[in-house]
Amino acid sequence: MEHYEEKHRISSLPFWVLSARQLCDLELIVNEAFAPLTGFLGLGDYLSVVHHMRLSSGALWPMPITLDIPQTLAEQLVLGGELALRDPEGLTLAVLSIDSIYQPDHHIEALQVFGTLDKSHPGVAALFRQHAFNVGGVIRKVDPVTHYDFADLRLSPLQVKREIARRGWDAVVAFQTRNPMHCAHIELTRRAMQQANAALLLQPVVGLTRPDDIEYYTRVRCYRHALKSYPADTVLLSLLPLAMRMGGPREAVWHALIRKNFGATHFIIGRDHAGPGSDQHGNAFYPPYAAQELALAYEQEIGLQVLAFEEMSYLKEERRYVPASQVPPGAAVLSLSETAVIEKLASGVEIPDWFSTPDIVAELRQSYRPKQQQGFVLFFTGLSGAGKSTIANGIAVRLREDGRRTVSLLDGDVVRHNLSKGLGFSKEDREANVERIGFVAIEIARAGGVAICACISPYASTRQVVRELAMTHKTAFFEIHIAADLAVCEKRDRKGLYAKARAGKLPGMTGIDAPYEPPLCPDLRIDTACLSASQAVELIISTLVELGYLPSSMLHVP
C-alpha cells in the first residue's frame, strides 16, 4: 500500500523529460561514477566548479554537471519541492529534491570551462543550446536507466571493482576511447600495461561524443575484436555512458576522477585528449599536450597515476610503432586519419594492415556502404520566393527518373499541414517545425533513401541542430542556401505573402518583421537571380556526382 501511494505521489509531481546528455549524467550520478556528486549542481557548487574546478566543499571537480530547464518550468518549481525526472518514454527514473533554482551565465561558463566562446567548439555549441535556468539538488533513484544493448558490458563502478578483485588485479590502467581501436591504440595500451605492470580497463564512451564520430554499436563490436590482441585475462571491457563535453584539459581531469571511481590505479592520457578539433580559423582549441599537463598537476589529489603518452608513429621500413619523439631523423612515417579511413571505407579502398587488424576493418566495412548506396539529405534554406520548392522538385524528379533511389520530398508548407499541424509561427514553433523535418529526413536517409527538404528554416542554430543530428547518425547532410535577396523574392511573391506583410496583414513574415539568418558556410550557395531553376538543378546533380553520391550517368550532357 505504501509503495502504491509513493508511486501515486511521484506521478503527481512536476516533471522534466531528460535530454540525452542529462540522461547520461543522471545514470553516472546514481551509480556513483560521478562521486562525490549526489545530484545536479546547485548555484554554490556550480559557481565554484566554473571558477575554481572545485565543489564548494573543496573537493576537486572540473566539469559543471547541471540540469537545465526552460523558464516556464522553473517558474512552477519551489525551493524544498521535488521534480520528477523522466526518460523519453515517460518512466520516472529519479526524483530531485530542489535546493537551488538559478539562471547561469553561459558566456562566463564557456570562457572558464572551455576557454572560448567559439560555437565551432561542440561543448560551447551544446552549452548555448541549453535552457535558461538550472535546477539543482540531491537525486533519489526510482528506477534504473534501461539499456537493451550490450547489457553484459554495462558495468557500474561497484561491479567493475568487484570484477577487479575477483581477478586478483593489484594494478589497473584505464584507457578511454571514443573511436575504434586500431594498431596504434593497441600498441599504446600494451606499453602502458608493461610500464605500470598492470591489467587494462578498456572503457570506451558510449554516451554522447563528437557528432562526426563512428556510432558506438560499430565501435563496441570493434573493441571486442581488439580484445584478441591482448593476453588472456588481462583486459576488462566496460562501457561508459558518458556525455563528453570535449573540454580538453578540464575534461582530462574529469575522466581521471571517473576512472578512480571505477577502481583504476593508472589512467592513460594521450595527445589532444578529449580535443574538440579546430576552431573556425583552423587552429586547435588547446595545445596538444595541455590535457596531460593539467591532469599531471592534479595527479596526487585525484589519487591515481597519470600515464602521459605521445602520439604513436608507424615506421615504414621497420614496420613498427614508436612514440613520435623516437622517430629517427629522416625515417619514413606512415599515418592515416580517421577521416581518411572513413573515406577509404566509403570508396571501397583497402585499409593497410599496418593501420588496423583485418577483423576490425571488416567490421567497419559492414557499417560504411559505398557512397552510391548511402542515403543523404538535401536541406534547402532561403527566403520565401527564393526558389527552394521549385529546385527541390526538380532534383526529386531527376532522381526518380534515374530510379536507383527512393526519394522523399519534405516541403515546408506541406509538412506544416501534416507533421507540424497545430504549430504557429513563434520562434519556438518555427524551430520545432524545422527540427521535425530534419528528424524525419535523417531517418529516411539512414534507411538508404534521399530526403529533400525545402523550408525557410530561418535560424542558424536550428539548422546546426539538424546538421549535428545527421552527423550523430553518420548521415550525409548538405545544406543548400538558395540565396536570392529580399528584393528579388518580393518581385516574385507568387503567394502574395510579402504584399500582405508590407500592408500589416501578415505579422511575423520572415525577411520583413521576423529575422532570417543566412548560412555562413553552406555546402552549396545558389543565387537564383543569376541561375535558372534548371541550371541550379544541374549544379546540384553535378556536385553530388563529383562527391561520389550519384553516378556520372546522371549528368546531362549538352
Protein backbone atom coordinates (compact mmCIF):
# COMPACT_ATOMS: atom_id res chain seq x y z
CA MET A 1 0.00 0.00 0.00
CA GLU A 2 2.82 2.40 0.92
CA HIS A 3 4.60 1.60 -2.35
CA TYR A 4 1.43 2.35 -4.32
CA GLU A 5 0.90 5.64 -2.50
CA GLU A 6 4.51 6.69 -3.13
CA LYS A 7 4.21 5.91 -6.85
CA HIS A 8 0.98 7.90 -6.97
CA ARG A 9 2.66 10.82 -5.18
CA ILE A 10 5.60 10.80 -7.59
CA SER A 11 3.26 10.70 -10.60
CA SER A 12 1.65 13.93 -9.40
CA LEU A 13 4.95 15.83 -9.13
CA PRO A 14 6.05 18.35 -11.74
CA PHE A 15 8.31 16.50 -14.13
CA TRP A 16 11.05 17.01 -16.69
CA VAL A 17 11.85 14.70 -19.62
CA LEU A 18 15.63 14.32 -19.68
CA SER A 19 17.68 15.12 -22.76
CA ALA A 20 20.28 12.63 -23.98
CA ARG A 21 23.04 14.48 -22.12
CA GLN A 22 21.02 14.74 -18.92
CA LEU A 23 20.14 11.05 -19.11
CA CYS A 24 23.83 10.13 -19.29
CA ASP A 25 24.64 12.46 -16.39
CA LEU A 26 21.82 11.06 -14.25
CA GLU A 27 22.96 7.46 -14.75
CA LEU A 28 26.53 8.28 -13.73
CA ILE A 29 25.40 10.29 -10.69
CA VAL A 30 23.18 7.46 -9.49
CA ASN A 31 25.78 4.68 -9.97
CA GLU A 32 28.46 6.85 -8.27
CA ALA A 33 30.73 7.17 -11.29
CA PHE A 34 30.45 10.92 -10.60
CA ALA A 35 31.19 10.61 -6.87
CA PRO A 36 31.28 12.76 -4.77
CA LEU A 37 28.28 14.24 -6.64
CA THR A 38 24.90 13.20 -5.27
CA GLY A 39 22.82 15.26 -7.66
CA PHE A 40 22.86 18.08 -10.18
CA LEU A 41 24.82 21.14 -9.10
CA GLY A 42 23.17 23.93 -7.13
CA LEU A 43 24.24 27.53 -7.55
CA GLY A 44 27.07 27.48 -4.98
CA ASP A 45 28.67 24.32 -6.34
CA TYR A 46 28.10 25.49 -9.91
CA LEU A 47 29.95 28.77 -9.41
CA SER A 48 32.77 27.07 -7.53
CA VAL A 49 33.24 24.45 -10.26
CA VAL A 50 33.11 27.01 -13.06
CA HIS A 51 35.63 29.38 -11.47
CA HIS A 52 37.80 27.08 -9.33
CA MET A 53 37.35 23.47 -10.58
CA ARG A 54 36.12 22.54 -7.12
CA LEU A 55 32.85 21.88 -5.34
CA SER A 56 32.01 24.27 -2.52
CA SER A 57 33.25 21.54 -0.15
CA GLY A 58 36.71 21.94 -1.69
CA ALA A 59 36.64 18.59 -3.50
CA LEU A 60 38.24 18.61 -6.95
CA TRP A 61 35.60 18.59 -9.70
CA PRO A 62 36.27 20.34 -13.03
CA MET A 63 33.05 19.96 -15.03
CA PRO A 64 29.65 21.57 -14.30
CA ILE A 65 27.04 18.80 -14.14
CA THR A 66 23.81 20.77 -14.44
CA LEU A 67 20.15 20.14 -15.12
CA ASP A 68 18.92 22.87 -17.46
CA ILE A 69 15.19 23.53 -17.76
CA PRO A 70 13.05 26.17 -19.53
CA GLN A 71 11.81 29.25 -17.71
CA THR A 72 8.20 28.05 -17.88
CA LEU A 73 9.08 25.03 -15.73
CA ALA A 74 11.45 26.96 -13.46
CA GLU A 75 8.60 29.34 -12.54
CA GLN A 76 6.48 26.38 -11.41
CA LEU A 77 9.10 24.99 -9.03
CA VAL A 78 9.75 25.95 -5.40
CA LEU A 79 12.76 25.50 -3.17
CA GLY A 80 12.24 22.46 -0.96
CA GLY A 81 9.94 20.90 -3.54
CA GLU A 82 10.57 17.95 -5.81
CA LEU A 83 10.96 17.39 -9.54
CA ALA A 84 10.39 14.00 -11.18
CA LEU A 85 12.99 13.13 -13.81
CA ARG A 86 11.62 11.01 -16.65
CA ASP A 87 13.14 9.25 -19.63
CA PRO A 88 11.79 9.94 -23.15
CA GLU A 89 9.32 7.04 -22.77
CA GLY A 90 7.78 8.67 -19.69
CA LEU A 91 9.27 6.42 -17.00
CA THR A 92 10.26 8.27 -13.81
CA LEU A 93 13.90 7.39 -13.14
CA ALA A 94 14.59 9.66 -10.19
CA VAL A 95 13.27 12.47 -8.03
CA LEU A 96 15.27 15.65 -7.48
CA SER A 97 14.94 17.42 -4.12
CA ILE A 98 15.14 21.06 -5.17
CA ASP A 99 17.61 23.19 -3.24
CA SER A 100 18.54 25.66 -5.96
CA ILE A 101 16.91 27.31 -8.98
CA TYR A 102 19.15 29.74 -10.82
CA GLN A 103 19.99 31.35 -14.13
CA PRO A 104 23.58 30.57 -15.19
CA ASP A 105 25.76 32.84 -17.30
CA HIS A 106 26.61 30.62 -20.25
CA HIS A 107 29.15 33.11 -21.60
CA ILE A 108 31.20 33.01 -18.40
CA GLU A 109 30.80 29.23 -18.20
CA ALA A 110 32.04 28.80 -21.77
CA LEU A 111 35.08 31.02 -21.19
CA GLN A 112 36.03 29.43 -17.86
CA VAL A 113 35.36 25.78 -18.73
CA PHE A 114 36.18 25.66 -22.45
CA GLY A 115 38.33 28.78 -22.81
CA THR A 116 36.35 30.09 -25.79
CA LEU A 117 33.02 31.43 -26.99
CA ASP A 118 33.54 29.91 -30.44
CA LYS A 119 30.48 27.79 -31.25
CA SER A 120 32.52 25.57 -33.56
CA HIS A 121 33.64 24.02 -30.26
CA PRO A 122 31.00 21.28 -29.75
CA GLY A 123 30.93 21.81 -25.98
CA VAL A 124 30.29 25.53 -26.40
CA ALA A 125 27.65 24.94 -29.08
CA ALA A 126 25.84 22.48 -26.80
CA LEU A 127 26.08 24.88 -23.85
CA PHE A 128 24.47 27.74 -25.76
CA ARG A 129 21.60 25.45 -26.75
CA GLN A 130 20.77 24.78 -23.12
CA HIS A 131 17.71 26.25 -21.45
CA ALA A 132 17.97 29.49 -19.49
CA PHE A 133 17.58 28.02 -16.00
CA ASN A 134 19.28 25.30 -13.96
CA VAL A 135 17.76 23.39 -11.08
CA GLY A 136 20.00 21.65 -8.52
CA GLY A 137 19.60 19.22 -5.66
CA VAL A 138 20.11 15.70 -4.39
CA ILE A 139 18.76 12.84 -6.50
CA ARG A 140 16.81 9.84 -5.22
CA LYS A 141 16.74 6.90 -7.60
CA VAL A 142 13.34 5.45 -8.50
CA ASP A 143 14.05 3.14 -11.46
CA PRO A 144 17.29 2.26 -13.26
CA VAL A 145 18.13 3.51 -16.73
CA THR A 146 17.35 0.57 -19.02
CA HIS A 147 19.72 -0.45 -21.80
CA TYR A 148 18.81 -3.18 -24.27
CA ASP A 149 22.21 -3.29 -25.95
CA PHE A 150 25.49 -4.79 -24.68
CA ALA A 151 23.94 -5.43 -21.25
CA ASP A 152 26.87 -7.68 -20.22
CA LEU A 153 29.33 -4.82 -20.79
CA ARG A 154 27.47 -2.08 -18.90
CA LEU A 155 29.16 -2.39 -15.52
CA SER A 156 28.76 0.08 -12.66
CA PRO A 157 31.79 1.25 -10.65
CA LEU A 158 30.91 -1.25 -7.92
CA GLN A 159 30.65 -4.12 -10.43
CA VAL A 160 33.99 -3.19 -12.03
CA LYS A 161 35.70 -3.04 -8.62
CA ARG A 162 34.28 -6.45 -7.71
CA GLU A 163 35.49 -7.91 -11.01
CA ILE A 164 38.96 -6.43 -10.48
CA ALA A 165 39.06 -8.01 -7.02
CA ARG A 166 37.81 -11.34 -8.35
CA ARG A 167 40.58 -11.42 -10.92
CA GLY A 168 43.16 -10.50 -8.32
CA TRP A 169 44.48 -7.45 -10.18
CA ASP A 170 46.61 -5.17 -8.00
CA ALA A 171 47.16 -2.51 -10.66
CA VAL A 172 44.73 -1.45 -13.39
CA VAL A 173 45.43 1.05 -16.15
CA ALA A 174 42.31 2.62 -17.67
CA PHE A 175 42.06 3.68 -21.30
CA GLN A 176 39.30 5.85 -22.73
CA THR A 177 38.47 5.93 -26.39
CA ARG A 178 35.60 7.26 -28.49
CA ASN A 179 36.86 5.78 -31.78
CA PRO A 180 37.53 2.20 -32.87
CA MET A 181 40.82 0.80 -31.62
CA HIS A 182 43.43 0.36 -34.32
CA CYS A 183 47.01 -0.89 -34.17
CA ALA A 184 48.40 2.36 -32.71
CA HIS A 185 45.92 2.24 -29.81
CA ILE A 186 46.69 -1.41 -29.14
CA GLU A 187 50.43 -0.72 -29.12
CA LEU A 188 49.98 2.28 -26.82
CA THR A 189 47.90 0.32 -24.29
CA ARG A 190 50.35 -2.61 -24.33
CA ARG A 191 53.17 -0.21 -23.50
CA ALA A 192 51.12 1.33 -20.70
CA MET A 193 50.32 -2.11 -19.24
CA GLN A 194 54.00 -3.02 -19.33
CA GLN A 195 55.08 0.30 -17.82
CA ALA A 196 52.60 0.03 -14.93
CA ASN A 197 52.78 -3.77 -14.62
CA ALA A 198 49.01 -3.62 -14.77
CA ALA A 199 45.92 -5.11 -16.34
CA LEU A 200 43.81 -2.97 -18.70
CA LEU A 201 40.37 -1.47 -18.07
CA LEU A 202 39.22 -0.68 -21.59
CA GLN A 203 36.37 1.76 -21.07
CA PRO A 204 35.05 3.32 -24.27
CA VAL A 205 32.47 6.09 -24.18
CA VAL A 206 29.04 5.09 -25.49
CA GLY A 207 27.16 8.23 -24.48
CA LEU A 208 27.49 11.48 -26.41
CA THR A 209 30.77 12.09 -28.22
CA ARG A 210 31.64 14.30 -31.20
CA PRO A 211 28.79 14.31 -33.71
CA ASP A 212 31.03 13.03 -36.50
CA ASP A 213 32.34 10.03 -34.54
CA ILE A 214 31.53 6.49 -35.67
CA GLU A 215 28.34 5.30 -33.94
CA TYR A 216 29.02 3.27 -30.83
CA TYR A 217 27.43 -0.02 -31.92
CA THR A 218 30.14 -0.44 -34.53
CA ARG A 219 32.80 0.75 -32.09
CA VAL A 220 31.83 -1.78 -29.43
CA ARG A 221 31.97 -4.63 -31.94
CA CYS A 222 35.44 -3.38 -32.90
CA TYR A 223 36.54 -3.32 -29.25
CA ARG A 224 35.53 -6.94 -28.89
CA HIS A 225 37.76 -7.80 -31.83
CA ALA A 226 40.59 -5.75 -30.27
CA LEU A 227 40.49 -7.93 -27.14
CA LYS A 228 42.10 -10.73 -29.19
CA SER A 229 45.30 -8.67 -29.34
CA TYR A 230 45.97 -8.99 -25.60
CA PRO A 231 46.96 -11.97 -23.43
CA ALA A 232 44.07 -13.83 -21.83
CA ASP A 233 42.62 -12.41 -18.60
CA THR A 234 44.48 -9.10 -18.83
CA VAL A 235 41.69 -6.87 -20.13
CA LEU A 236 38.23 -5.91 -18.85
CA LEU A 237 35.90 -4.25 -21.35
CA SER A 238 33.31 -2.00 -19.70
CA LEU A 239 31.18 0.62 -21.42
CA LEU A 240 30.82 4.16 -20.06
CA PRO A 241 27.57 6.07 -20.86
CA LEU A 242 29.31 9.43 -20.57
CA ALA A 243 28.19 12.60 -22.32
CA MET A 244 31.53 14.09 -23.29
CA ARG A 245 31.93 17.85 -23.42
CA MET A 246 35.15 17.72 -25.49
CA GLY A 247 36.68 20.06 -22.90
CA GLY A 248 40.34 19.19 -23.38
CA PRO A 249 42.37 19.86 -20.17
CA ARG A 250 39.42 20.09 -17.78
CA GLU A 251 37.85 17.03 -19.34
CA ALA A 252 41.06 15.02 -18.83
CA VAL A 253 40.95 15.72 -15.09
CA TRP A 254 37.26 14.79 -15.08
CA HIS A 255 37.93 11.49 -16.88
CA ALA A 256 40.69 10.64 -14.42
CA LEU A 257 38.37 11.22 -11.45
CA ILE A 258 35.75 8.97 -13.05
CA ARG A 259 38.32 6.19 -13.60
CA LYS A 260 39.41 6.46 -9.99
CA ASN A 261 35.79 5.77 -9.03
CA PHE A 262 35.90 2.63 -11.20
CA GLY A 263 38.92 1.30 -9.32
CA ALA A 264 41.71 2.15 -11.77
CA THR A 265 45.17 2.86 -10.38
CA HIS A 266 46.52 4.41 -13.60
CA PHE A 267 44.97 6.38 -16.44
CA ILE A 268 46.32 6.90 -19.96
CA ILE A 269 46.16 10.43 -21.36
CA GLY A 270 47.41 10.79 -24.90
CA ARG A 271 47.95 13.66 -27.24
CA ASP A 272 44.99 16.07 -27.51
CA HIS A 273 42.87 14.10 -25.03
CA ALA A 274 39.17 14.94 -25.45
CA GLY A 275 40.11 17.53 -28.06
CA PRO A 276 37.26 19.22 -29.93
CA GLY A 277 39.18 19.72 -33.17
CA SER A 278 39.88 23.12 -34.66
CA ASP A 279 38.18 26.49 -34.39
CA GLN A 280 36.58 28.43 -37.25
CA HIS A 281 40.03 29.66 -38.29
CA GLY A 282 41.54 26.17 -38.44
CA ASN A 283 43.51 26.50 -35.18
CA ALA A 284 43.42 23.86 -32.44
CA PHE A 285 41.39 24.91 -29.40
CA TYR A 286 44.02 23.52 -27.00
CA PRO A 287 47.76 22.82 -27.23
CA PRO A 288 48.32 19.11 -27.99
CA TYR A 289 49.62 18.18 -24.53
CA ALA A 290 47.66 20.68 -22.39
CA ALA A 291 45.35 17.92 -21.13
CA GLN A 292 48.31 15.87 -19.91
CA GLU A 293 49.82 18.86 -18.14
CA LEU A 294 46.67 19.74 -16.21
CA ALA A 295 45.96 16.13 -15.23
CA LEU A 296 49.54 15.66 -14.03
CA ALA A 297 49.22 18.82 -11.92
CA TYR A 298 46.31 17.24 -10.02
CA GLU A 299 47.59 13.65 -10.10
CA GLN A 300 48.09 13.25 -6.33
CA GLU A 301 44.76 14.77 -5.44
CA ILE A 302 42.96 12.59 -7.98
CA GLY A 303 44.53 9.53 -6.41
CA LEU A 304 45.76 7.64 -9.46
CA GLN A 305 48.85 7.80 -11.65
CA VAL A 306 48.58 9.61 -14.96
CA LEU A 307 50.43 7.90 -17.80
CA ALA A 308 51.18 10.62 -20.34
CA PHE A 309 51.77 9.20 -23.82
CA GLU A 310 52.84 10.82 -27.06
CA GLU A 311 51.21 10.12 -30.36
CA MET A 312 52.36 6.80 -31.82
CA SER A 313 54.06 6.86 -35.25
CA TYR A 314 54.47 3.95 -37.65
CA LEU A 315 57.94 3.48 -39.13
CA LYS A 316 57.51 2.22 -42.68
CA GLU A 317 60.89 0.48 -43.03
CA GLU A 318 60.97 -1.04 -39.55
CA ARG A 319 57.27 -1.94 -39.63
CA ARG A 320 56.61 -0.94 -36.04
CA TYR A 321 55.09 1.81 -33.91
CA VAL A 322 57.16 4.14 -31.74
CA PRO A 323 56.40 7.34 -29.79
CA ALA A 324 56.69 10.41 -32.03
CA SER A 325 59.80 11.66 -30.21
CA GLN A 326 61.61 8.39 -31.00
CA VAL A 327 61.25 8.62 -34.78
CA PRO A 328 64.79 8.58 -36.23
CA PRO A 329 65.75 11.61 -38.36
CA GLY A 330 64.74 11.10 -41.98
CA ALA A 331 62.70 7.97 -41.25
CA ALA A 332 59.62 7.36 -43.40
CA VAL A 333 56.49 7.61 -41.25
CA LEU A 334 53.05 6.42 -42.32
CA SER A 335 49.84 7.94 -40.98
CA LEU A 336 46.12 7.77 -41.66
CA SER A 337 43.45 9.98 -40.07
CA GLU A 338 40.02 8.72 -39.02
CA THR A 339 38.53 10.95 -41.73
CA ALA A 340 40.75 9.32 -44.35
CA VAL A 341 39.78 5.87 -43.07
CA ILE A 342 36.08 6.67 -43.44
CA GLU A 343 36.68 7.98 -46.97
CA LYS A 344 38.52 4.77 -47.88
CA LEU A 345 35.73 2.64 -46.44
CA ALA A 346 33.06 4.63 -48.31
CA SER A 347 35.05 4.30 -51.54
CA GLY A 348 35.81 0.60 -51.08
CA VAL A 349 39.57 1.28 -50.93
CA GLU A 350 41.77 -1.12 -48.98
CA ILE A 351 42.82 -0.19 -45.42
CA PRO A 352 46.52 -1.07 -44.89
CA ASP A 353 47.27 -3.83 -42.39
CA TRP A 354 49.76 -1.64 -40.51
CA PHE A 355 46.87 0.62 -39.54
CA SER A 356 44.27 -1.86 -38.32
CA THR A 357 43.54 -5.55 -37.92
CA PRO A 358 41.55 -7.37 -40.63
CA ASP A 359 38.60 -8.21 -38.37
CA ILE A 360 38.23 -4.58 -37.23
CA VAL A 361 38.38 -3.37 -40.84
CA ALA A 362 35.77 -5.97 -41.82
CA GLU A 363 33.53 -4.74 -39.00
CA LEU A 364 33.88 -1.15 -40.17
CA ARG A 365 33.05 -2.11 -43.75
CA GLN A 366 29.72 -3.52 -42.53
CA SER A 367 28.76 0.00 -41.42
CA TYR A 368 30.15 2.04 -44.31
CA ARG A 369 28.50 1.27 -47.61
CA PRO A 370 29.80 2.82 -50.83
CA LYS A 371 28.51 6.37 -51.24
CA GLN A 372 26.22 5.46 -54.14
CA GLN A 373 24.38 3.11 -51.76
CA GLN A 374 24.16 5.61 -48.90
CA GLY A 375 21.20 7.81 -48.18
CA PHE A 376 21.63 11.56 -47.87
CA VAL A 377 19.76 14.75 -47.00
CA LEU A 378 19.47 17.82 -49.21
CA PHE A 379 18.39 20.63 -46.91
CA PHE A 380 17.29 23.76 -48.80
CA THR A 381 17.04 27.01 -46.87
CA GLY A 382 16.21 30.54 -48.01
CA LEU A 383 13.57 33.23 -48.02
CA SER A 384 10.05 32.63 -49.27
CA GLY A 385 10.08 33.01 -53.03
CA ALA A 386 13.80 32.27 -53.40
CA GLY A 387 13.08 29.10 -55.40
CA LYS A 388 13.58 26.34 -52.82
CA SER A 389 10.49 24.31 -53.69
CA THR A 390 10.99 24.63 -57.43
CA ILE A 391 14.59 23.43 -57.29
CA ALA A 392 13.79 20.71 -54.74
CA ASN A 393 11.04 19.38 -57.01
CA GLY A 394 13.45 19.42 -59.94
CA ILE A 395 16.01 17.36 -58.00
CA ALA A 396 13.32 14.90 -56.87
CA VAL A 397 12.14 14.42 -60.46
CA ARG A 398 15.68 13.79 -61.72
CA LEU A 399 16.37 11.21 -59.01
CA ARG A 400 13.07 9.45 -59.60
CA GLU A 401 13.77 9.42 -63.31
CA ASP A 402 17.06 7.63 -62.60
CA GLY A 403 15.16 5.10 -60.47
CA ARG A 404 18.04 3.92 -58.28
CA ARG A 405 16.99 5.85 -55.18
CA THR A 406 13.92 6.11 -53.02
CA VAL A 407 13.17 9.84 -52.85
CA SER A 408 11.09 11.73 -50.26
CA LEU A 409 10.30 15.42 -50.69
CA LEU A 410 9.57 17.30 -47.46
CA ASP A 411 8.22 20.71 -48.46
CA GLY A 412 7.80 23.21 -45.64
CA ASP A 413 4.21 24.15 -46.48
CA VAL A 414 3.12 20.53 -46.89
CA VAL A 415 4.80 19.48 -43.65
CA ARG A 416 3.02 22.28 -41.75
CA HIS A 417 -0.35 20.85 -42.80
CA ASN A 418 0.57 17.33 -41.70
CA LEU A 419 3.56 16.58 -39.46
CA SER A 420 3.52 20.05 -37.85
CA LYS A 421 -0.21 20.69 -37.80
CA GLY A 422 -1.04 22.92 -34.84
CA LEU A 423 2.27 24.75 -34.72
CA GLY A 424 2.22 28.52 -35.09
CA PHE A 425 4.90 30.95 -36.21
CA SER A 426 6.59 31.84 -32.93
CA LYS A 427 10.35 31.33 -32.80
CA GLU A 428 9.85 28.16 -30.74
CA ASP A 429 7.25 26.74 -33.15
CA ARG A 430 9.39 27.55 -36.20
CA GLU A 431 12.33 25.78 -34.57
CA ALA A 432 10.15 22.78 -33.68
CA ASN A 433 8.90 22.57 -37.27
CA VAL A 434 12.42 22.54 -38.71
CA GLU A 435 13.65 20.02 -36.15
CA ARG A 436 10.75 17.70 -37.04
CA ILE A 437 11.53 17.99 -40.74
CA GLY A 438 15.19 17.28 -40.01
CA PHE A 439 14.40 14.28 -37.83
CA VAL A 440 12.19 12.65 -40.47
CA ALA A 441 14.71 13.44 -43.23
CA ILE A 442 17.56 11.84 -41.34
CA GLU A 443 15.52 8.71 -40.62
CA ILE A 444 14.79 8.44 -44.36
CA ALA A 445 18.48 8.83 -45.21
CA ARG A 446 19.55 6.32 -42.56
CA ALA A 447 17.38 3.77 -44.34
CA GLY A 448 19.19 4.48 -47.60
CA GLY A 449 16.74 6.94 -49.11
CA VAL A 450 17.21 10.51 -50.30
CA ALA A 451 15.38 13.17 -48.29
CA ILE A 452 14.90 16.57 -49.94
CA CYS A 453 13.81 19.32 -47.53
CA ALA A 454 12.56 22.71 -48.68
CA CYS A 455 11.78 25.03 -45.80
CA ILE A 456 12.72 28.60 -44.90
CA SER A 457 14.50 27.46 -41.70
CA PRO A 458 15.35 30.99 -40.59
CA TYR A 459 17.57 30.26 -37.57
CA ALA A 460 21.20 29.18 -37.88
CA SER A 461 21.13 27.41 -34.50
CA THR A 462 18.22 25.18 -35.57
CA ARG A 463 19.92 24.24 -38.82
CA GLN A 464 23.03 23.37 -36.79
CA VAL A 465 20.95 21.11 -34.53
CA VAL A 466 19.73 19.20 -37.60
CA ARG A 467 23.25 19.02 -39.05
CA GLU A 468 24.62 17.63 -35.79
CA LEU A 469 21.82 15.07 -35.62
CA ALA A 470 22.79 13.95 -39.13
CA MET A 471 26.44 13.75 -38.06
CA THR A 472 25.48 11.72 -34.99
CA HIS A 473 23.75 9.19 -37.24
CA LYS A 474 26.58 9.28 -39.82
CA THR A 475 24.21 10.60 -42.46
CA ALA A 476 25.43 12.77 -45.33
CA PHE A 477 23.83 16.20 -44.96
CA PHE A 478 24.06 19.02 -47.49
CA GLU A 479 22.85 22.49 -46.55
CA ILE A 480 21.94 24.37 -49.73
CA HIS A 481 21.32 28.09 -49.40
CA ILE A 482 19.00 29.43 -52.09
CA ALA A 483 20.35 32.93 -51.76
CA ALA A 484 18.03 35.21 -53.72
CA ASP A 485 17.85 38.51 -51.85
CA LEU A 486 14.71 40.03 -50.42
CA ALA A 487 14.07 42.40 -53.35
CA VAL A 488 14.11 39.51 -55.83
CA CYS A 489 11.81 37.41 -53.64
CA GLU A 490 9.36 40.30 -53.24
CA LYS A 491 9.18 40.78 -57.01
CA ARG A 492 8.23 37.14 -57.45
CA ASP A 493 5.79 36.97 -54.48
CA ARG A 494 3.63 34.32 -56.17
CA LYS A 495 1.62 33.74 -52.99
CA GLY A 496 1.17 37.44 -52.20
CA LEU A 497 2.75 36.96 -48.78
CA TYR A 498 5.15 39.88 -48.93
CA ALA A 499 2.40 42.25 -50.07
CA LYS A 500 0.26 41.20 -47.10
CA ALA A 501 3.23 41.60 -44.74
CA ARG A 502 4.01 45.09 -46.07
CA ALA A 503 0.36 46.01 -45.59
CA GLY A 504 0.48 44.82 -41.98
CA LYS A 505 -1.91 41.95 -42.65
CA LEU A 506 0.65 39.16 -42.11
CA PRO A 507 2.74 39.71 -38.97
CA GLY A 508 5.90 37.65 -38.40
CA MET A 509 6.83 37.35 -42.07
CA THR A 510 10.42 36.13 -42.39
CA GLY A 511 12.54 38.82 -44.01
CA ILE A 512 10.08 41.62 -43.19
CA ASP A 513 9.48 41.69 -39.44
CA ALA A 514 10.99 38.33 -38.48
CA PRO A 515 14.69 37.54 -38.96
CA TYR A 516 16.37 35.27 -41.46
CA GLU A 517 19.90 34.22 -40.56
CA PRO A 518 21.66 33.19 -43.79
CA PRO A 519 24.14 30.31 -43.55
CA LEU A 520 27.74 31.45 -43.21
CA CYS A 521 29.25 28.28 -44.65
CA PRO A 522 26.61 26.28 -46.54
CA ASP A 523 27.65 23.24 -48.52
CA LEU A 524 26.32 24.99 -51.62
CA ARG A 525 25.07 28.54 -52.20
CA ILE A 526 22.90 29.26 -55.24
CA ASP A 527 21.65 32.71 -56.23
CA THR A 528 18.52 32.22 -58.32
CA ALA A 529 18.76 35.80 -59.53
CA CYS A 530 21.77 34.55 -61.54
CA LEU A 531 20.88 30.92 -62.22
CA SER A 532 17.65 29.47 -63.57
CA ALA A 533 15.96 26.61 -61.70
CA SER A 534 17.14 24.08 -64.30
CA GLN A 535 20.71 25.35 -64.05
CA ALA A 536 20.53 25.10 -60.25
CA VAL A 537 19.28 21.52 -60.51
CA GLU A 538 22.17 20.57 -62.80
CA LEU A 539 24.68 22.26 -60.47
CA ILE A 540 23.41 20.23 -57.51
CA ILE A 541 23.39 16.98 -59.51
CA SER A 542 26.92 17.56 -60.78
CA THR A 543 28.12 18.34 -57.24
CA LEU A 544 26.66 15.08 -55.92
CA VAL A 545 28.26 13.19 -58.82
CA GLU A 546 31.60 14.80 -58.05
CA LEU A 547 31.30 13.82 -54.38
CA GLY A 548 30.51 10.22 -55.33
CA TYR A 549 26.88 10.02 -54.18
CA LEU A 550 25.42 9.80 -57.69
CA PRO A 551 26.65 8.01 -60.80
CA SER A 552 28.12 10.04 -63.65
CA SER A 553 25.32 8.76 -65.89
CA MET A 554 23.02 11.28 -64.20
CA LEU A 555 24.89 14.20 -65.73
CA HIS A 556 23.06 15.91 -68.56
CA VAL A 557 25.49 16.23 -71.45
CA PRO A 558 24.61 19.26 -73.62
